[in-house]
Amino acid sequence: MPSSFLDRRRFMAYCSSLGLSGTLFPGVLYAETEQVAEQTDDDEPPQITVEHIEKAEALAGLSFNEMEREMMVDDLNDRLEGFEAIRDLEMPNEVLPAFVFQPQMVGPAPPPDDGPLDWSPPAVTRPASDEDLAYLPVTHLSALIRTGEVTATELTELYLRRLKRYDDKLNAVITYTEDRARAQAAAADEELANGIYRGPLHGIPWGAKDLLAVEGYPTTWGAEPYREQTIDYTAAAVRKLDDAGAILIAKLSLGALAWGDVWFDARTNNPWNLDQGASGSSAGPGAAVAAGLVGFAMGSETLGSIVSPSTRNGVTGFRPSFGTVSRDGAMVLSWSMDKLGPMARAAEDCALVHDALRGTDPADPATVDAGFPFTPASDVTTLRVGYLQQSFEAEYGNAAADAETLDVLRDLGVELHPMALPDDVPAGPIVATLWTEAAATFDDLTRSRGIDAMVRQTRDAWPHVFRAARFMPAVEFIQLNRARTLLMEQMRETMAAVDVLVSPSFVGGALQVTNLTGHPCVCVPNAFHPVDANGNSPRRSPGSITFIGQLYGDAAVLQLARAYQAATDFHTRRPPLV
């Protein structure tokens, strides 16, 4: 075969430019042309002819006339240079496209920002053991640091010891940030001794999902091709938590490029059942919080990466309204769907972390200023609360626990209104916009065959998705986004009737829909099922329930979740680590 035969990837890109790549047409036409190349001895690239196009049409189920074929030939043969010029540009992960997703375009504008939370720490005393101390929620740790019963340095060393003690079992840590942590802890203690108090996160050790860049440390994205990557920059979320006095002690695992619980080095394991993965993609944050190895952790969600590991590991996860937290310095999968949010032991912890993170950032044009009037002891009976009736009536593993959750809410005096998600617009096909955005983000990795080095090479993994997504026609991509606008409009109408919508975490489609529309949710544990029939094993399989809020109604959804947790003890339970 001549060395100058028509390059397949260039050819496929040009078919895509013509809106033909969603069918068999590009592959068939390429095969026709390549056959000519194999039979040609000259060094010139073969030319596509109308005969090639006509043969490809018959196999691909398309029909063009002679004039259309002639025009297509001109495009396919003459426009290669422009595409190649774009591919020669350096476009690292953080380069933004020339459009911004704004969920408020069909919904309410963000409420005015009313300043930081008016929050007071509870009256607590130091527990007798370090084990008990490690499992305290942020609210209690904050109170102990504020009163001086615990120092930031003491708490930092405790969590570092626990990380190193249990990580052989969990595989949750990619990189320790010990030097940075110890310096931060010493500075926090000095400030507190001098009467300088930064707020409720001052002195609290935490862990970051390793898609957040931290200057001076690797940022691996959990993927073999980026195992040695360092980014000389610190993500906005990390900087804000630095400003709040929080102490970063480790960068935690994520499924490779934020999918699954298998990263380049190992599978992250579930502290409730070490034979099971911690789910993904925020696997390390989920496992570390559950095992009492950090005060809280930062995760991210595009299509379930906070809700799923929060459920699997039995912790509380908060996915905020799209745009309320800057993603500057975080690995991009989908510019229109990525969200950063905390994972912690309690909803109130998540509220404290979110308050430190929220706000606009010029580096992330999707960000908005939105009020966050979270009041821990607010009267939740004034909230309008709905539940997805048909979803709760389905048969699924956590159905009994979810029904009991509704009973707890009723016992709290909450009136529950049966509701349904809009179903006129199918959400499933719209998820293809995520695959397409992700494929564009990692286009260089795909074309260089760097994806071949990733651990998972199955159908439900990025290498396959990136390849398949190259066949999304541009016209169809736009049409899917227009359908997404219709879905957003319908969700706005649905949510206008309630402040909070209660849903099974994985039944009924709410997870998919709300990730597309940008609505916030809180996922809280509500069951710990035995893993064996007789219940003799200490291992458990956690279950969860999800509270969904109005767009920018983050405070209300956290307040209802907090009230539920005040009436139950699921969030206080500890895994066996066996």
Protein backbone atom coordinates (compact mmCIF):
# COMPACT_ATOMS: atom_id res chain seq x y z
CA MET A 1 0.00 0.00 0.00
CA PRO A 2 1.46 3.44 -0.86
CA SER A 3 2.60 5.42 2.17
CA SER A 4 0.55 8.39 1.03
CA PHE A 5 -2.85 6.65 1.03
CA LEU A 6 -5.81 8.72 2.22
CA ASP A 7 -5.61 9.15 6.01
CA ARG A 8 -8.70 7.61 7.67
CA ARG A 9 -9.02 10.04 10.55
CA ARG A 10 -8.82 13.05 8.21
CA PHE A 11 -11.40 11.52 5.94
CA MET A 12 -13.82 10.79 8.80
CA ALA A 13 -13.49 14.36 10.03
CA TYR A 14 -14.51 15.68 6.62
CA CYS A 15 -17.53 13.46 6.44
CA SER A 16 -18.43 14.78 9.88
CA SER A 17 -18.12 18.32 8.56
CA LEU A 18 -20.78 17.46 6.02
CA GLY A 19 -23.12 16.02 8.63
CA LEU A 20 -22.64 12.46 7.32
CA SER A 21 -20.86 10.82 10.23
CA GLY A 22 -23.93 9.57 12.08
CA THR A 23 -24.48 6.84 9.49
CA LEU A 24 -22.48 4.09 7.81
CA PHE A 25 -21.68 6.51 5.00
CA PRO A 26 -18.19 7.68 6.08
CA GLY A 27 -16.90 4.19 6.78
CA VAL A 28 -18.33 2.75 3.59
CA LEU A 29 -17.02 5.61 1.47
CA TYR A 30 -13.60 5.36 3.07
CA ALA A 31 -13.47 1.64 2.37
CA GLU A 32 -14.29 2.31 -1.27
CA THR A 33 -11.54 4.90 -1.54
CA GLU A 34 -8.97 2.87 0.37
CA GLN A 35 -9.50 -0.02 -2.00
CA VAL A 36 -8.46 2.27 -4.82
CA ALA A 37 -5.39 3.32 -2.82
CA GLU A 38 -4.31 -0.30 -2.41
CA GLN A 39 -4.45 -0.77 -6.16
CA THR A 40 -2.58 2.45 -6.99
CA ASP A 41 1.20 2.66 -7.24
CA ASP A 42 1.61 6.42 -7.49
CA ASP A 43 2.38 8.65 -4.51
CA GLU A 44 -0.61 10.91 -4.91
CA PRO A 45 -3.49 10.59 -2.41
CA PRO A 46 -6.48 8.97 -4.10
CA GLN A 47 -9.34 11.21 -5.08
CA ILE A 48 -12.91 10.54 -4.01
CA THR A 49 -15.18 10.26 -7.04
CA VAL A 50 -18.92 10.40 -7.54
CA GLU A 51 -18.81 6.64 -8.18
CA HIS A 52 -17.38 6.07 -4.67
CA ILE A 53 -20.11 8.22 -3.18
CA GLU A 54 -22.84 6.43 -5.13
CA LYS A 55 -21.67 2.99 -3.95
CA ALA A 56 -21.49 4.21 -0.36
CA GLU A 57 -25.03 5.61 -0.58
CA ALA A 58 -26.50 2.22 -1.47
CA LEU A 59 -24.91 0.55 1.53
CA ALA A 60 -25.62 3.38 3.97
CA GLY A 61 -29.26 3.92 3.07
CA LEU A 62 -28.75 7.43 1.68
CA SER A 63 -29.77 8.98 -1.61
CA PHE A 64 -28.14 11.92 -3.41
CA ASN A 65 -28.51 13.20 -6.95
CA GLU A 66 -25.67 13.72 -9.38
CA MET A 67 -25.33 17.44 -8.68
CA GLU A 68 -25.17 16.80 -4.92
CA ARG A 69 -22.49 14.17 -5.44
CA GLU A 70 -20.41 16.56 -7.52
CA MET A 71 -20.62 19.22 -4.81
CA MET A 72 -19.75 16.66 -2.15
CA VAL A 73 -16.67 15.58 -4.05
CA ASP A 74 -15.44 19.16 -4.06
CA ASP A 75 -15.88 19.43 -0.29
CA LEU A 76 -14.37 16.06 0.54
CA ASN A 77 -11.32 16.60 -1.64
CA ASP A 78 -10.70 20.31 -1.20
CA ARG A 79 -11.29 21.06 2.49
CA LEU A 80 -8.78 18.76 4.13
CA GLU A 81 -6.25 21.49 4.74
CA GLY A 82 -8.50 23.57 6.97
CA PHE A 83 -9.34 20.70 9.28
CA GLU A 84 -5.71 19.72 9.56
CA ALA A 85 -4.84 23.30 10.48
CA ILE A 86 -7.29 23.19 13.39
CA ARG A 87 -5.85 19.89 14.55
CA ASP A 88 -2.41 21.44 14.57
CA LEU A 89 -3.56 23.98 17.16
CA GLU A 90 -2.63 23.33 20.75
CA MET A 91 -5.90 23.04 22.67
CA PRO A 92 -5.34 21.73 26.20
CA ASN A 93 -8.20 20.44 28.33
CA GLU A 94 -9.02 23.81 29.83
CA VAL A 95 -9.69 25.62 26.52
CA LEU A 96 -13.37 26.59 26.47
CA PRO A 97 -15.69 26.30 23.47
CA ALA A 98 -17.36 29.44 22.17
CA PHE A 99 -20.65 28.73 23.92
CA VAL A 100 -21.81 28.55 27.54
CA PHE A 101 -24.58 26.42 28.99
CA GLN A 102 -26.99 28.52 31.06
CA PRO A 103 -29.82 26.56 32.71
CA GLN A 104 -31.45 29.81 33.83
CA MET A 105 -32.16 30.69 30.20
CA VAL A 106 -35.52 28.95 30.58
CA GLY A 107 -35.83 29.11 34.35
CA PRO A 108 -35.65 31.52 37.24
CA ALA A 109 -32.73 33.89 37.53
CA PRO A 110 -30.39 33.17 40.43
CA PRO A 111 -31.67 34.74 43.66
CA PRO A 112 -29.55 37.66 44.93
CA ASP A 113 -26.54 36.73 47.00
CA ASP A 114 -27.20 37.51 50.65
CA GLY A 115 -23.66 37.07 51.95
CA PRO A 116 -22.06 34.25 53.95
CA LEU A 117 -24.02 31.89 56.14
CA ASP A 118 -25.06 32.94 59.60
CA TRP A 119 -23.91 29.71 61.22
CA SER A 120 -23.01 28.92 64.82
CA PRO A 121 -21.15 25.76 65.86
CA PRO A 122 -22.94 23.33 68.20
CA ALA A 123 -21.86 22.83 71.80
CA VAL A 124 -19.77 19.64 71.78
CA THR A 125 -16.99 18.10 73.82
CA ARG A 126 -14.04 16.12 72.59
CA PRO A 127 -14.77 12.38 72.39
CA ALA A 128 -12.72 9.93 74.41
CA SER A 129 -11.00 8.20 71.48
CA ASP A 130 -9.28 9.34 68.31
CA GLU A 131 -11.47 6.87 66.41
CA ASP A 132 -14.57 8.71 67.56
CA LEU A 133 -12.91 12.03 66.78
CA ALA A 134 -12.12 10.95 63.21
CA TYR A 135 -15.76 10.15 62.49
CA LEU A 136 -17.18 13.42 63.76
CA PRO A 137 -18.97 15.58 61.18
CA VAL A 138 -17.43 18.86 60.08
CA THR A 139 -19.89 20.77 62.25
CA HIS A 140 -18.51 19.12 65.40
CA LEU A 141 -14.88 19.23 64.32
CA SER A 142 -15.30 22.93 63.63
CA ALA A 143 -16.65 23.52 67.12
CA LEU A 144 -13.75 21.66 68.75
CA ILE A 145 -11.18 23.61 66.74
CA ARG A 146 -12.91 26.89 67.52
CA THR A 147 -12.77 26.19 71.28
CA GLY A 148 -9.21 24.89 71.15
CA GLU A 149 -10.04 21.38 72.32
CA VAL A 150 -8.47 20.08 69.11
CA THR A 151 -5.77 21.73 67.03
CA ALA A 152 -5.59 21.76 63.27
CA THR A 153 -2.19 20.06 63.43
CA GLU A 154 -3.51 17.32 65.69
CA LEU A 155 -6.45 16.65 63.41
CA THR A 156 -4.27 16.71 60.30
CA GLU A 157 -1.85 14.16 61.74
CA LEU A 158 -4.74 11.95 62.86
CA TYR A 159 -6.22 11.83 59.38
CA LEU A 160 -2.84 11.31 57.72
CA ARG A 161 -2.19 8.34 60.01
CA ARG A 162 -5.59 6.89 59.20
CA LEU A 163 -5.11 7.34 55.46
CA LYS A 164 -1.82 5.46 55.60
CA ARG A 165 -3.23 2.79 57.89
CA TYR A 166 -6.23 1.92 55.73
CA ASP A 167 -5.19 2.81 52.21
CA ASP A 168 -3.68 -0.62 51.56
CA LYS A 169 -7.25 -1.89 51.84
CA LEU A 170 -9.03 0.96 50.11
CA ASN A 171 -6.64 2.27 47.40
CA ALA A 172 -8.23 5.69 47.76
CA VAL A 173 -5.11 7.89 47.70
CA ILE A 174 -3.25 8.82 44.53
CA THR A 175 -0.98 11.50 46.05
CA TYR A 176 -0.41 12.68 49.62
CA THR A 177 0.01 16.43 50.06
CA GLU A 178 1.69 16.15 53.47
CA ASP A 179 4.12 19.07 53.26
CA ARG A 180 1.40 21.42 52.11
CA ALA A 181 -0.99 20.08 54.75
CA ARG A 182 1.41 20.45 57.65
CA ALA A 183 2.27 23.99 56.63
CA GLN A 184 -1.43 24.85 56.36
CA ALA A 185 -2.19 23.25 59.72
CA ALA A 186 0.59 25.16 61.47
CA ALA A 187 -0.63 28.41 59.91
CA ALA A 188 -4.21 27.66 60.95
CA ASP A 189 -3.18 27.02 64.55
CA GLU A 190 -1.16 30.22 64.64
CA GLU A 191 -4.07 32.23 63.28
CA LEU A 192 -6.51 30.71 65.74
CA ALA A 193 -4.13 31.40 68.62
CA ASN A 194 -4.04 35.03 67.50
CA GLY A 195 -7.82 35.32 67.34
CA ILE A 196 -8.08 35.06 63.55
CA TYR A 197 -10.97 32.81 62.59
CA ARG A 198 -11.72 32.16 58.93
CA GLY A 199 -14.99 30.33 59.47
CA PRO A 200 -16.34 26.83 60.03
CA LEU A 201 -13.83 25.10 57.72
CA HIS A 202 -10.81 26.64 59.47
CA GLY A 203 -8.47 23.78 60.35
CA ILE A 204 -10.57 20.99 58.79
CA PRO A 205 -8.53 18.41 56.78
CA TRP A 206 -10.03 17.35 53.46
CA GLY A 207 -9.29 15.35 50.32
CA ALA A 208 -9.60 16.36 46.65
CA LYS A 209 -10.67 14.17 43.78
CA ASP A 210 -7.57 14.07 41.59
CA LEU A 211 -9.10 16.00 38.74
CA LEU A 212 -8.51 19.24 40.69
CA ALA A 213 -5.15 20.80 39.86
CA VAL A 214 -2.86 21.62 42.79
CA GLU A 215 0.40 23.39 42.02
CA GLY A 216 3.44 21.38 43.03
CA TYR A 217 1.67 18.01 42.93
CA PRO A 218 0.68 15.56 40.19
CA THR A 219 -2.81 15.81 38.75
CA THR A 220 -3.31 12.42 37.14
CA TRP A 221 -7.02 12.40 36.29
CA GLY A 222 -6.77 8.74 37.30
CA ALA A 223 -5.65 7.73 33.81
CA GLU A 224 -2.42 6.07 32.71
CA PRO A 225 -1.71 8.57 29.89
CA TYR A 226 -1.64 11.37 32.51
CA ARG A 227 0.05 9.46 35.33
CA GLU A 228 3.03 11.84 35.45
CA GLN A 229 1.09 15.02 34.64
CA THR A 230 1.70 18.12 36.72
CA ILE A 231 -0.22 21.35 36.25
CA ASP A 232 1.43 24.52 37.50
CA TYR A 233 -1.82 25.93 38.70
CA THR A 234 -4.24 25.48 41.58
CA ALA A 235 -7.92 24.96 40.89
CA ALA A 236 -10.36 27.66 42.01
CA ALA A 237 -12.15 25.25 44.37
CA VAL A 238 -8.88 24.42 46.10
CA ARG A 239 -7.96 28.10 46.37
CA LYS A 240 -11.33 28.92 47.92
CA LEU A 241 -10.98 26.15 50.46
CA ASP A 242 -7.46 27.39 51.20
CA ASP A 243 -8.94 30.81 51.85
CA ALA A 244 -11.51 29.24 54.17
CA GLY A 245 -8.71 27.67 56.22
CA ALA A 246 -9.35 24.06 55.16
CA ILE A 247 -6.32 21.77 54.94
CA LEU A 248 -5.76 19.59 51.86
CA ILE A 249 -4.12 16.33 52.96
CA ALA A 250 -4.44 14.09 49.88
CA LYS A 251 -5.50 13.85 46.28
CA LEU A 252 -7.98 11.00 46.06
CA SER A 253 -8.72 8.46 43.38
CA LEU A 254 -11.19 8.70 40.57
CA GLY A 255 -12.12 6.31 37.83
CA ALA A 256 -9.90 6.94 34.81
CA LEU A 257 -10.95 10.28 33.31
CA ALA A 258 -13.86 10.32 35.77
CA TRP A 259 -15.61 7.08 34.99
CA GLY A 260 -15.83 4.04 37.25
CA ASP A 261 -13.72 3.05 40.24
CA VAL A 262 -10.70 1.66 38.36
CA TRP A 263 -7.82 4.08 38.01
CA PHE A 264 -4.35 3.56 36.58
CA ASP A 265 -3.01 1.82 39.69
CA ALA A 266 -5.84 -0.07 41.34
CA ARG A 267 -9.53 -0.36 42.07
CA THR A 268 -10.75 1.77 44.96
CA ASN A 269 -12.68 -0.42 47.41
CA ASN A 270 -15.86 0.10 49.39
CA PRO A 271 -15.21 0.32 53.16
CA TRP A 272 -18.54 -1.43 53.75
CA ASN A 273 -17.47 -4.41 51.62
CA LEU A 274 -13.85 -4.62 50.52
CA ASP A 275 -14.70 -7.15 47.82
CA GLN A 276 -16.68 -4.44 46.06
CA GLY A 277 -15.48 -1.33 44.27
CA ALA A 278 -16.29 2.09 45.72
CA SER A 279 -18.19 3.08 42.54
CA GLY A 280 -17.25 6.09 40.53
CA SER A 281 -16.09 8.32 39.47
CA SER A 282 -15.61 10.03 42.86
CA ALA A 283 -14.50 6.70 44.30
CA GLY A 284 -11.65 7.97 46.50
CA PRO A 285 -13.69 10.78 48.08
CA GLY A 286 -16.53 8.37 48.84
CA ALA A 287 -14.31 5.70 50.40
CA ALA A 288 -12.18 8.19 52.37
CA VAL A 289 -15.17 9.98 53.88
CA ALA A 290 -16.92 6.72 54.75
CA ALA A 291 -13.83 5.32 56.50
CA GLY A 292 -13.21 8.45 58.56
CA LEU A 293 -9.98 9.34 56.75
CA VAL A 294 -10.83 12.99 55.97
CA GLY A 295 -13.22 15.56 57.37
CA PHE A 296 -14.81 15.95 53.95
CA ALA A 297 -13.88 15.53 50.31
CA MET A 298 -14.53 17.23 47.00
CA GLY A 299 -16.08 15.19 44.22
CA SER A 300 -17.51 16.01 40.83
CA GLU A 301 -20.55 14.88 38.89
CA THR A 302 -21.40 14.89 35.24
CA LEU A 303 -23.88 12.01 35.18
CA GLY A 304 -23.89 10.43 38.65
CA SER A 305 -20.30 10.62 39.88
CA ILE A 306 -21.29 12.07 43.26
CA VAL A 307 -24.61 10.26 43.73
CA SER A 308 -23.29 6.80 42.84
CA PRO A 309 -20.20 6.68 45.13
CA SER A 310 -22.11 8.46 47.90
CA THR A 311 -24.65 5.65 47.73
CA ARG A 312 -22.12 2.84 47.48
CA ASN A 313 -20.04 4.13 50.41
CA GLY A 314 -22.94 5.29 52.59
CA VAL A 315 -22.02 8.99 52.75
CA THR A 316 -23.80 12.25 52.02
CA GLY A 317 -23.14 13.83 48.63
CA PHE A 318 -24.24 17.23 47.36
CA ARG A 319 -24.41 18.12 43.68
CA PRO A 320 -25.05 21.89 43.54
CA SER A 321 -26.96 23.80 40.91
CA PHE A 322 -24.97 24.01 37.70
CA GLY A 323 -22.82 27.12 37.63
CA THR A 324 -22.78 27.88 41.35
CA VAL A 325 -19.22 26.54 41.83
CA SER A 326 -16.27 27.40 39.60
CA ARG A 327 -14.70 24.51 37.70
CA ASP A 328 -11.56 26.45 36.82
CA GLY A 329 -8.60 24.11 37.19
CA ALA A 330 -10.75 20.96 37.14
CA MET A 331 -10.49 18.38 34.38
CA VAL A 332 -13.19 18.92 31.79
CA LEU A 333 -15.46 16.18 30.53
CA SER A 334 -18.50 18.22 29.57
CA TRP A 335 -18.54 22.01 29.65
CA SER A 336 -22.33 21.90 29.89
CA MET A 337 -22.71 19.20 32.56
CA ASP A 338 -19.70 19.13 34.93
CA LYS A 339 -20.40 20.12 38.54
CA LEU A 340 -18.14 20.16 41.62
CA GLY A 341 -19.62 19.30 44.99
CA PRO A 342 -18.73 18.07 48.49
CA MET A 343 -19.05 14.59 49.94
CA ALA A 344 -19.24 14.43 53.71
CA ARG A 345 -20.85 12.74 56.67
CA ALA A 346 -23.88 15.03 56.86
CA ALA A 347 -25.93 17.45 54.79
CA GLU A 348 -25.04 20.34 57.07
CA ASP A 349 -21.34 19.65 56.42
CA CYS A 350 -22.03 19.90 52.70
CA ALA A 351 -23.77 23.23 53.23
CA LEU A 352 -20.72 24.66 55.01
CA VAL A 353 -18.40 23.53 52.22
CA HIS A 354 -20.70 24.79 49.48
CA ASP A 355 -20.92 28.20 51.13
CA ALA A 356 -17.13 28.50 50.91
CA LEU A 357 -17.09 27.49 47.23
CA ARG A 358 -20.01 29.26 45.61
CA GLY A 359 -19.82 32.42 43.50
CA THR A 360 -18.80 33.74 40.11
CA ASP A 361 -15.37 33.30 38.61
CA PRO A 362 -14.25 35.03 35.39
CA ALA A 363 -12.25 31.90 34.54
CA ASP A 364 -15.48 29.89 34.38
CA PRO A 365 -18.04 31.86 32.36
CA ALA A 366 -20.84 29.47 33.38
CA THR A 367 -20.66 30.59 37.02
CA VAL A 368 -23.33 32.71 38.67
CA ASP A 369 -23.85 34.43 42.00
CA ALA A 370 -26.79 32.82 43.73
CA GLY A 371 -28.13 33.38 47.21
CA PHE A 372 -27.75 30.51 49.66
CA PRO A 373 -30.03 31.17 52.65
CA PHE A 374 -29.27 27.91 54.45
CA THR A 375 -30.57 27.88 58.02
CA PRO A 376 -29.84 24.61 59.85
CA ALA A 377 -32.85 24.59 62.20
CA SER A 378 -35.38 25.98 59.74
CA ASP A 379 -38.99 24.78 59.77
CA VAL A 380 -39.13 22.25 56.93
CA THR A 381 -42.91 21.98 57.21
CA THR A 382 -43.10 25.24 55.26
CA LEU A 383 -41.38 23.60 52.29
CA ARG A 384 -43.46 22.35 49.39
CA VAL A 385 -42.28 18.77 48.92
CA GLY A 386 -43.19 16.35 46.16
CA TYR A 387 -42.24 12.74 45.57
CA LEU A 388 -42.05 10.73 42.36
CA GLN A 389 -44.97 8.43 43.05
CA GLN A 390 -44.52 6.03 40.15
CA SER A 391 -40.83 5.59 40.92
CA PHE A 392 -41.51 4.72 44.55
CA GLU A 393 -44.11 2.15 43.45
CA ALA A 394 -41.60 0.27 41.28
CA GLU A 395 -39.91 -2.94 42.43
CA TYR A 396 -36.24 -2.36 43.30
CA GLY A 397 -33.78 -3.28 46.02
CA ASN A 398 -34.07 -0.19 48.20
CA ALA A 399 -37.85 0.27 47.84
CA ALA A 400 -38.75 -0.54 51.47
CA ALA A 401 -36.10 1.83 52.84
CA ASP A 402 -37.23 4.59 50.48
CA ALA A 403 -40.84 4.14 51.59
CA GLU A 404 -39.70 4.44 55.20
CA THR A 405 -37.91 7.66 54.29
CA LEU A 406 -41.20 9.12 53.09
CA ASP A 407 -42.75 8.08 56.41
CA VAL A 408 -39.99 9.88 58.33
CA LEU A 409 -40.69 13.05 56.36
CA ARG A 410 -44.40 12.76 57.10
CA ASP A 411 -43.60 12.30 60.79
CA LEU A 412 -41.65 15.55 60.61
CA GLY A 413 -44.86 17.26 59.50
CA VAL A 414 -43.91 17.50 55.82
CA GLU A 415 -46.84 17.22 53.44
CA LEU A 416 -45.87 15.09 50.43
CA HIS A 417 -47.45 15.64 47.03
CA PRO A 418 -47.37 12.89 44.37
CA MET A 419 -45.65 14.04 41.21
CA ALA A 420 -44.10 12.77 37.98
CA LEU A 421 -41.16 13.80 35.87
CA PRO A 422 -41.91 15.26 32.45
CA ASP A 423 -41.75 12.58 29.79
CA ASP A 424 -42.53 14.38 26.54
CA VAL A 425 -38.83 14.82 25.78
CA PRO A 426 -36.68 11.66 25.99
CA ALA A 427 -33.66 12.39 28.15
CA GLY A 428 -31.68 9.29 27.17
CA PRO A 429 -30.73 10.38 23.65
CA ILE A 430 -29.72 13.85 24.91
CA VAL A 431 -26.98 12.26 27.03
CA ALA A 432 -25.11 11.77 23.75
CA THR A 433 -24.18 15.46 24.04
CA LEU A 434 -22.00 14.46 27.00
CA TRP A 435 -20.22 11.77 25.01
CA THR A 436 -19.61 14.22 22.18
CA GLU A 437 -18.26 16.98 24.41
CA ALA A 438 -15.98 14.50 26.17
CA ALA A 439 -14.72 13.14 22.86
CA ALA A 440 -13.88 16.67 21.73
CA THR A 441 -12.06 17.36 24.98
CA PHE A 442 -9.90 14.27 24.55
CA ASP A 443 -9.66 14.35 20.76
CA ASP A 444 -5.85 14.39 20.76
CA LEU A 445 -5.75 11.39 23.09
CA THR A 446 -8.02 9.44 20.76
CA ARG A 447 -6.21 10.31 17.53
CA SER A 448 -2.79 9.60 19.05
CA ARG A 449 -4.04 6.22 20.29
CA GLY A 450 -3.18 7.30 23.83
CA ILE A 451 -6.51 5.86 24.94
CA ASP A 452 -5.03 2.42 24.27
CA ALA A 453 -3.04 2.79 27.51
CA MET A 454 -6.15 3.17 29.67
CA VAL A 455 -7.02 0.25 31.93
CA ARG A 456 -10.63 -0.30 30.90
CA GLN A 457 -11.22 -1.08 27.23
CA THR A 458 -14.84 -2.24 27.45
CA ARG A 459 -17.99 -0.83 25.89
CA ASP A 460 -18.81 1.05 29.09
CA ALA A 461 -15.50 2.93 29.20
CA TRP A 462 -14.11 6.10 27.68
CA PRO A 463 -11.88 4.64 24.91
CA HIS A 464 -14.88 3.08 23.20
CA VAL A 465 -17.11 6.10 23.86
CA PHE A 466 -14.52 8.53 22.47
CA ARG A 467 -14.22 6.49 19.28
CA ALA A 468 -17.95 6.07 18.81
CA ALA A 469 -18.67 9.74 19.54
CA ARG A 470 -16.63 10.76 16.49
CA PHE A 471 -19.67 9.74 14.46
CA MET A 472 -22.02 12.37 15.91
CA PRO A 473 -23.19 14.68 13.10
CA ALA A 474 -22.95 18.37 13.94
CA VAL A 475 -26.58 18.94 12.99
CA GLU A 476 -27.75 16.19 15.33
CA PHE A 477 -25.60 17.57 18.15
CA ILE A 478 -27.35 20.92 17.81
CA GLN A 479 -30.75 19.24 17.64
CA LEU A 480 -30.05 17.31 20.83
CA ASN A 481 -29.18 20.55 22.57
CA ARG A 482 -32.41 22.11 21.34
CA ALA A 483 -34.28 19.11 22.76
CA ARG A 484 -32.40 19.73 26.00
CA THR A 485 -33.87 23.23 26.07
CA LEU A 486 -37.35 21.71 25.84
CA LEU A 487 -36.47 19.34 28.70
CA MET A 488 -35.29 22.29 30.79
CA GLU A 489 -38.54 24.12 30.13
CA GLN A 490 -40.56 21.11 31.20
CA MET A 491 -38.51 20.63 34.38
CA ARG A 492 -38.98 24.31 35.20
CA GLU A 493 -42.74 23.85 34.97
CA THR A 494 -42.62 20.67 37.07
CA MET A 495 -40.42 22.12 39.80
CA ALA A 496 -42.44 25.33 40.02
CA ALA A 497 -44.96 23.39 42.11
CA VAL A 498 -42.47 22.31 44.80
CA ASP A 499 -39.32 23.39 46.62
CA VAL A 500 -37.96 19.85 46.90
CA LEU A 501 -38.67 16.66 44.98
CA VAL A 502 -37.89 13.31 46.66
CA SER A 503 -36.75 10.49 44.39
CA PRO A 504 -35.20 7.04 44.55
CA SER A 505 -31.56 7.61 43.68
CA PHE A 506 -31.47 5.34 40.63
CA VAL A 507 -35.08 4.61 39.66
CA GLY A 508 -37.29 6.69 37.42
CA GLY A 509 -34.74 8.72 35.45
CA ALA A 510 -34.37 11.69 37.82
CA LEU A 511 -30.58 11.34 38.01
CA GLN A 512 -30.23 11.58 34.25
CA VAL A 513 -32.78 14.36 33.79
CA THR A 514 -31.51 16.63 36.55
CA ASN A 515 -27.91 16.33 35.45
CA LEU A 516 -29.01 17.55 32.03
CA THR A 517 -31.11 20.41 33.44
CA GLY A 518 -28.66 21.56 36.12
CA HIS A 519 -30.88 21.05 39.20
CA PRO A 520 -29.21 20.43 42.58
CA CYS A 521 -29.58 17.26 44.61
CA VAL A 522 -28.51 15.77 47.94
CA CYS A 523 -27.97 12.03 48.22
CA VAL A 524 -28.14 10.64 51.78
CA PRO A 525 -27.83 7.09 53.15
CA ASN A 526 -31.09 5.52 54.28
CA ALA A 527 -30.31 1.78 54.55
CA PHE A 528 -27.48 -0.69 55.18
CA HIS A 529 -28.54 -4.03 53.79
CA PRO A 530 -26.81 -7.27 54.88
CA VAL A 531 -24.72 -8.78 52.12
CA ASP A 532 -25.42 -12.38 53.21
CA ALA A 533 -28.74 -14.11 53.70
CA ASN A 534 -28.45 -14.66 57.45
CA GLY A 535 -26.93 -11.29 58.28
CA ASN A 536 -23.92 -12.75 60.12
CA SER A 537 -21.36 -10.76 58.14
CA PRO A 538 -20.59 -7.21 59.28
CA ARG A 539 -20.45 -6.18 55.64
CA ARG A 540 -23.28 -4.09 54.33
CA SER A 541 -24.66 -2.70 51.08
CA PRO A 542 -25.73 0.92 51.64
CA GLY A 543 -28.85 2.37 50.09
CA SER A 544 -29.72 6.01 49.52
CA ILE A 545 -32.49 8.48 48.82
CA THR A 546 -32.18 11.68 46.78
CA PHE A 547 -33.61 15.13 47.45
CA ILE A 548 -33.82 17.32 44.33
CA GLY A 549 -34.10 21.08 44.55
CA GLN A 550 -35.30 23.86 42.33
CA LEU A 551 -32.63 25.46 40.19
CA TYR A 552 -30.61 27.58 42.68
CA GLY A 553 -32.74 26.17 45.50
CA ASP A 554 -29.68 24.56 47.03
CA ALA A 555 -30.44 25.80 50.54
CA ALA A 556 -33.91 24.26 50.69
CA VAL A 557 -32.80 20.84 49.51
CA LEU A 558 -29.97 20.76 52.05
CA GLN A 559 -32.31 21.88 54.82
CA LEU A 560 -34.73 19.02 54.15
CA ALA A 561 -31.85 16.54 53.99
CA ARG A 562 -30.53 17.88 57.28
CA ALA A 563 -33.96 17.51 58.92
CA TYR A 564 -34.16 13.92 57.71
CA GLN A 565 -30.72 13.17 59.14
CA ALA A 566 -31.62 14.81 62.45
CA ALA A 567 -34.46 12.29 62.73
CA THR A 568 -32.39 9.22 61.72
CA ASP A 569 -28.93 7.82 62.36
CA PHE A 570 -27.90 6.31 59.02
CA HIS A 571 -25.32 9.03 58.39
CA THR A 572 -23.57 8.25 61.70
CA ARG A 573 -22.90 4.57 61.02
CA ARG A 574 -19.36 3.31 60.46
CA PRO A 575 -18.13 0.71 57.98
CA PRO A 576 -16.46 -2.52 59.12
CA LEU A 577 -13.47 -2.10 56.76
CA VAL A 578 -13.35 -5.85 56.22
